[in-house]
Amino acid sequence: MTDIIIITNNPKVSEKYPNISSHVEGSVSDVFIAVRDAVHKGARIVSHPLSGAIEPYKSVAISKSYGELDMVSLQIIENAIAAVEDFRVIDLDIIEGVIKCTTS
């Protein structure tokens, strides 16, 4: 039996690993928030949230057993949440640049 839980918004992951996954309806940000909530309860991050593709699906493995608040896991997930917002800002900047170039 595995010692992890997978928090995911990817239906394929949920279907393949129904006994060890927790499905989140929503975006990558919603997955990261669910991971952060679990970390606050004492879970530890097992797979880095920013590994692999970012959108539209994400799966993060966390420890099945809970202990004291793991500050390293908390910092990792907080940085991942901030990175998603950074990606949104970068995307907006790129599109604004394209619009300026095509309307000038």
N, C-alpha and C. Protein backbone atom coordinates (compact mmCIF):
# COMPACT_ATOMS: atom_id res chain seq x y z
N MET A 1 0.84 -1.18 0.00
CA MET A 1 0.00 0.00 0.00
C MET A 1 0.90 1.25 0.00
N THR A 2 0.53 2.22 -0.78
CA THR A 2 1.35 3.43 -0.93
C THR A 2 1.12 4.41 0.22
N ASP A 3 2.12 5.23 0.44
CA ASP A 3 2.05 6.22 1.51
C ASP A 3 1.78 7.62 0.97
N ILE A 4 1.21 7.71 -0.24
CA ILE A 4 0.93 9.02 -0.83
C ILE A 4 -0.53 9.16 -1.20
N ILE A 5 -0.92 10.40 -1.35
CA ILE A 5 -2.21 10.77 -1.93
C ILE A 5 -1.89 11.72 -3.07
N ILE A 6 -2.58 11.57 -4.18
CA ILE A 6 -2.39 12.44 -5.33
C ILE A 6 -3.56 13.42 -5.38
N ILE A 7 -3.25 14.69 -5.29
CA ILE A 7 -4.28 15.72 -5.45
C ILE A 7 -4.19 16.16 -6.90
N THR A 8 -5.30 16.06 -7.62
CA THR A 8 -5.27 16.26 -9.07
C THR A 8 -6.57 16.83 -9.60
N ASN A 9 -6.45 17.54 -10.72
CA ASN A 9 -7.64 17.93 -11.47
C ASN A 9 -7.70 17.18 -12.80
N ASN A 10 -6.81 16.20 -12.94
CA ASN A 10 -6.72 15.42 -14.18
C ASN A 10 -7.59 14.17 -14.05
N PRO A 11 -8.68 14.10 -14.82
CA PRO A 11 -9.57 12.94 -14.74
C PRO A 11 -8.87 11.62 -15.03
N LYS A 12 -7.87 11.63 -15.91
CA LYS A 12 -7.16 10.39 -16.23
C LYS A 12 -6.38 9.87 -15.02
N VAL A 13 -5.79 10.76 -14.26
CA VAL A 13 -5.08 10.35 -13.05
C VAL A 13 -6.07 9.81 -12.03
N SER A 14 -7.18 10.50 -11.86
CA SER A 14 -8.21 10.04 -10.91
C SER A 14 -8.76 8.68 -11.29
N GLU A 15 -8.94 8.45 -12.59
CA GLU A 15 -9.46 7.17 -13.07
C GLU A 15 -8.45 6.05 -12.87
N LYS A 16 -7.17 6.33 -13.15
CA LYS A 16 -6.14 5.30 -13.05
C LYS A 16 -5.80 4.96 -11.60
N TYR A 17 -5.87 5.95 -10.71
CA TYR A 17 -5.49 5.75 -9.31
C TYR A 17 -6.63 6.16 -8.37
N PRO A 18 -7.78 5.54 -8.50
CA PRO A 18 -8.94 5.98 -7.71
C PRO A 18 -8.76 5.83 -6.20
N ASN A 19 -7.96 4.87 -5.78
CA ASN A 19 -7.81 4.62 -4.34
C ASN A 19 -6.83 5.56 -3.66
N ILE A 20 -6.00 6.25 -4.44
CA ILE A 20 -5.00 7.12 -3.82
C ILE A 20 -5.06 8.55 -4.34
N SER A 21 -6.14 8.88 -5.06
CA SER A 21 -6.24 10.24 -5.59
C SER A 21 -7.42 10.97 -4.98
N SER A 22 -7.26 12.27 -4.93
CA SER A 22 -8.32 13.16 -4.50
C SER A 22 -8.55 14.14 -5.65
N HIS A 23 -9.71 14.01 -6.30
CA HIS A 23 -9.98 14.84 -7.48
C HIS A 23 -10.48 16.23 -7.09
N VAL A 24 -9.91 17.23 -7.73
CA VAL A 24 -10.29 18.62 -7.52
C VAL A 24 -10.92 19.12 -8.80
N GLU A 25 -12.14 19.60 -8.72
CA GLU A 25 -12.77 20.24 -9.88
C GLU A 25 -12.26 21.66 -9.94
N GLY A 26 -11.58 22.01 -11.00
CA GLY A 26 -11.10 23.37 -11.12
C GLY A 26 -9.75 23.46 -11.80
N SER A 27 -9.12 24.58 -11.58
CA SER A 27 -7.87 24.92 -12.25
C SER A 27 -6.66 24.40 -11.49
N VAL A 28 -5.49 24.65 -12.06
CA VAL A 28 -4.23 24.34 -11.39
C VAL A 28 -4.16 25.10 -10.05
N SER A 29 -4.61 26.34 -10.05
CA SER A 29 -4.63 27.10 -8.80
C SER A 29 -5.47 26.41 -7.74
N ASP A 30 -6.59 25.83 -8.14
CA ASP A 30 -7.45 25.11 -7.19
C ASP A 30 -6.73 23.88 -6.63
N VAL A 31 -5.98 23.19 -7.48
CA VAL A 31 -5.19 22.04 -7.01
C VAL A 31 -4.16 22.52 -5.99
N PHE A 32 -3.45 23.60 -6.32
CA PHE A 32 -2.42 24.11 -5.42
C PHE A 32 -3.02 24.55 -4.08
N ILE A 33 -4.20 25.13 -4.11
CA ILE A 33 -4.85 25.54 -2.87
C ILE A 33 -5.22 24.32 -2.04
N ALA A 34 -5.69 23.26 -2.70
CA ALA A 34 -6.01 22.02 -1.97
C ALA A 34 -4.74 21.41 -1.36
N VAL A 35 -3.64 21.48 -2.09
CA VAL A 35 -2.36 21.00 -1.56
C VAL A 35 -1.95 21.85 -0.36
N ARG A 36 -2.06 23.17 -0.49
CA ARG A 36 -1.70 24.06 0.61
C ARG A 36 -2.55 23.76 1.86
N ASP A 37 -3.84 23.51 1.65
CA ASP A 37 -4.71 23.17 2.79
C ASP A 37 -4.24 21.89 3.48
N ALA A 38 -3.84 20.91 2.67
CA ALA A 38 -3.35 19.65 3.25
C ALA A 38 -2.03 19.86 3.98
N VAL A 39 -1.16 20.70 3.43
CA VAL A 39 0.12 21.00 4.08
C VAL A 39 -0.13 21.69 5.43
N HIS A 40 -1.09 22.60 5.46
CA HIS A 40 -1.42 23.26 6.72
C HIS A 40 -1.90 22.25 7.78
N LYS A 41 -2.46 21.14 7.32
CA LYS A 41 -2.92 20.11 8.25
C LYS A 41 -1.81 19.14 8.62
N GLY A 42 -0.64 19.27 7.97
CA GLY A 42 0.50 18.43 8.33
C GLY A 42 1.01 17.51 7.25
N ALA A 43 0.44 17.55 6.05
CA ALA A 43 0.96 16.73 4.95
C ALA A 43 2.28 17.31 4.44
N ARG A 44 3.07 16.47 3.82
CA ARG A 44 4.33 16.91 3.20
C ARG A 44 4.23 16.69 1.69
N ILE A 45 4.80 17.60 0.95
CA ILE A 45 4.80 17.48 -0.51
C ILE A 45 5.84 16.44 -0.92
N VAL A 46 5.42 15.51 -1.78
CA VAL A 46 6.30 14.45 -2.27
C VAL A 46 6.79 14.75 -3.69
N SER A 47 5.91 15.31 -4.53
CA SER A 47 6.32 15.69 -5.90
C SER A 47 6.18 17.20 -6.04
N HIS A 48 7.17 17.82 -6.67
CA HIS A 48 7.17 19.28 -6.77
C HIS A 48 5.99 19.76 -7.62
N PRO A 49 5.24 20.74 -7.13
CA PRO A 49 4.06 21.20 -7.86
C PRO A 49 4.36 21.85 -9.21
N LEU A 50 5.57 22.35 -9.41
CA LEU A 50 5.88 23.00 -10.68
C LEU A 50 6.61 22.09 -11.66
N SER A 51 6.73 20.80 -11.34
CA SER A 51 7.34 19.88 -12.29
C SER A 51 6.35 19.58 -13.41
N GLY A 52 6.86 19.40 -14.61
CA GLY A 52 6.00 19.09 -15.74
C GLY A 52 5.19 20.29 -16.20
N ALA A 53 4.14 20.00 -16.94
CA ALA A 53 3.28 21.05 -17.49
C ALA A 53 2.50 21.74 -16.37
N ILE A 54 2.14 22.97 -16.60
CA ILE A 54 1.40 23.74 -15.61
C ILE A 54 -0.10 23.77 -15.92
N GLU A 55 -0.47 23.95 -17.13
CA GLU A 55 -1.89 24.08 -17.49
C GLU A 55 -2.26 23.04 -18.53
N PRO A 56 -3.47 22.59 -18.60
CA PRO A 56 -4.59 22.87 -17.71
C PRO A 56 -4.72 21.85 -16.57
N TYR A 57 -3.87 20.79 -16.59
CA TYR A 57 -3.99 19.75 -15.56
C TYR A 57 -2.75 19.70 -14.69
N LYS A 58 -2.95 19.33 -13.44
CA LYS A 58 -1.84 19.21 -12.52
C LYS A 58 -2.15 18.16 -11.48
N SER A 59 -1.15 17.39 -11.13
CA SER A 59 -1.24 16.39 -10.07
C SER A 59 -0.05 16.58 -9.15
N VAL A 60 -0.30 16.56 -7.85
CA VAL A 60 0.75 16.71 -6.85
C VAL A 60 0.60 15.60 -5.84
N ALA A 61 1.69 14.88 -5.60
CA ALA A 61 1.69 13.82 -4.59
C ALA A 61 2.07 14.42 -3.24
N ILE A 62 1.29 14.05 -2.23
CA ILE A 62 1.57 14.48 -0.86
C ILE A 62 1.60 13.24 0.03
N SER A 63 2.16 13.40 1.22
CA SER A 63 2.20 12.28 2.16
C SER A 63 0.80 11.94 2.64
N LYS A 64 0.58 10.66 2.82
CA LYS A 64 -0.71 10.21 3.32
C LYS A 64 -0.85 10.49 4.81
N SER A 65 0.26 10.36 5.53
CA SER A 65 0.22 10.61 6.97
C SER A 65 0.52 12.08 7.25
N TYR A 66 -0.12 12.58 8.25
CA TYR A 66 0.02 13.99 8.60
C TYR A 66 0.82 14.10 9.89
N GLY A 67 1.62 15.15 9.98
CA GLY A 67 2.40 15.41 11.18
C GLY A 67 2.35 16.88 11.50
N GLU A 68 3.46 17.40 11.96
CA GLU A 68 3.55 18.83 12.22
C GLU A 68 3.67 19.59 10.90
N LEU A 69 3.37 20.86 10.94
CA LEU A 69 3.47 21.70 9.75
C LEU A 69 4.90 21.66 9.22
N ASP A 70 5.06 21.25 7.97
CA ASP A 70 6.37 21.18 7.32
C ASP A 70 6.60 22.48 6.58
N MET A 71 7.50 23.30 7.10
CA MET A 71 7.72 24.63 6.54
C MET A 71 8.30 24.57 5.12
N VAL A 72 9.08 23.54 4.81
CA VAL A 72 9.62 23.41 3.45
C VAL A 72 8.48 23.16 2.47
N SER A 73 7.57 22.25 2.81
CA SER A 73 6.42 21.99 1.94
C SER A 73 5.56 23.23 1.79
N LEU A 74 5.38 23.96 2.88
CA LEU A 74 4.57 25.18 2.83
C LEU A 74 5.21 26.20 1.91
N GLN A 75 6.51 26.37 2.00
CA GLN A 75 7.21 27.33 1.13
C GLN A 75 7.12 26.91 -0.33
N ILE A 76 7.25 25.63 -0.60
CA ILE A 76 7.16 25.12 -1.97
C ILE A 76 5.79 25.43 -2.56
N ILE A 77 4.72 25.14 -1.84
CA ILE A 77 3.38 25.34 -2.40
C ILE A 77 3.04 26.81 -2.50
N GLU A 78 3.49 27.62 -1.53
CA GLU A 78 3.25 29.06 -1.63
C GLU A 78 3.96 29.64 -2.85
N ASN A 79 5.19 29.19 -3.12
CA ASN A 79 5.92 29.65 -4.30
C ASN A 79 5.23 29.19 -5.59
N ALA A 80 4.67 27.99 -5.58
CA ALA A 80 3.96 27.49 -6.76
C ALA A 80 2.71 28.32 -7.03
N ILE A 81 1.99 28.67 -5.97
CA ILE A 81 0.79 29.51 -6.14
C ILE A 81 1.19 30.86 -6.71
N ALA A 82 2.26 31.44 -6.21
CA ALA A 82 2.75 32.73 -6.73
C ALA A 82 3.20 32.61 -8.18
N ALA A 83 3.82 31.49 -8.54
CA ALA A 83 4.29 31.30 -9.91
C ALA A 83 3.14 31.26 -10.90
N VAL A 84 2.04 30.62 -10.51
CA VAL A 84 0.87 30.57 -11.41
C VAL A 84 0.40 32.00 -11.70
N GLU A 85 0.36 32.83 -10.68
CA GLU A 85 -0.04 34.23 -10.89
C GLU A 85 0.98 34.95 -11.77
N ASP A 86 2.26 34.67 -11.56
CA ASP A 86 3.30 35.28 -12.41
C ASP A 86 3.10 34.90 -13.87
N PHE A 87 2.76 33.62 -14.13
CA PHE A 87 2.53 33.16 -15.50
C PHE A 87 1.36 33.91 -16.12
N ARG A 88 0.35 34.20 -15.35
CA ARG A 88 -0.81 34.95 -15.85
C ARG A 88 -0.41 36.37 -16.23
N VAL A 89 0.42 36.98 -15.40
CA VAL A 89 0.88 38.35 -15.68
C VAL A 89 1.77 38.37 -16.92
N ILE A 90 2.66 37.40 -17.04
CA ILE A 90 3.53 37.32 -18.22
C ILE A 90 2.70 37.13 -19.48
N ASP A 91 1.72 36.24 -19.41
CA ASP A 91 0.84 36.01 -20.56
C ASP A 91 0.12 37.30 -20.96
N LEU A 92 -0.39 38.04 -19.99
CA LEU A 92 -1.06 39.31 -20.27
C LEU A 92 -0.09 40.30 -20.91
N ASP A 93 1.13 40.40 -20.39
CA ASP A 93 2.13 41.31 -20.96
C ASP A 93 2.43 40.98 -22.42
N ILE A 94 2.55 39.70 -22.71
CA ILE A 94 2.84 39.27 -24.09
C ILE A 94 1.70 39.68 -25.01
N ILE A 95 0.48 39.41 -24.60
CA ILE A 95 -0.68 39.75 -25.44
C ILE A 95 -0.81 41.26 -25.61
N GLU A 96 -0.56 42.02 -24.54
CA GLU A 96 -0.61 43.48 -24.66
C GLU A 96 0.42 43.97 -25.65
N GLY A 97 1.62 43.36 -25.66
CA GLY A 97 2.64 43.73 -26.63
C GLY A 97 2.22 43.43 -28.06
N VAL A 98 1.58 42.29 -28.26
CA VAL A 98 1.08 41.92 -29.60
C VAL A 98 0.01 42.91 -30.04
N ILE A 99 -0.90 43.26 -29.15
CA ILE A 99 -1.98 44.19 -29.49
C ILE A 99 -1.40 45.54 -29.85
N LYS A 100 -0.43 46.03 -29.10
CA LYS A 100 0.20 47.32 -29.40
C LYS A 100 0.84 47.28 -30.78
N CYS A 101 1.52 46.18 -31.11
CA CYS A 101 2.21 46.08 -32.40
C CYS A 101 1.23 45.99 -33.57
N THR A 102 0.09 45.38 -33.34
CA THR A 102 -0.84 45.19 -34.45
C THR A 102 -1.82 46.35 -34.59
N THR A 103 -1.90 47.23 -33.61
CA THR A 103 -2.82 48.35 -33.71
C THR A 103 -2.09 49.67 -33.98
N SER A 104 -0.77 49.64 -34.05
CA SER A 104 -0.02 50.87 -34.28
C SER A 104 0.09 51.20 -35.75
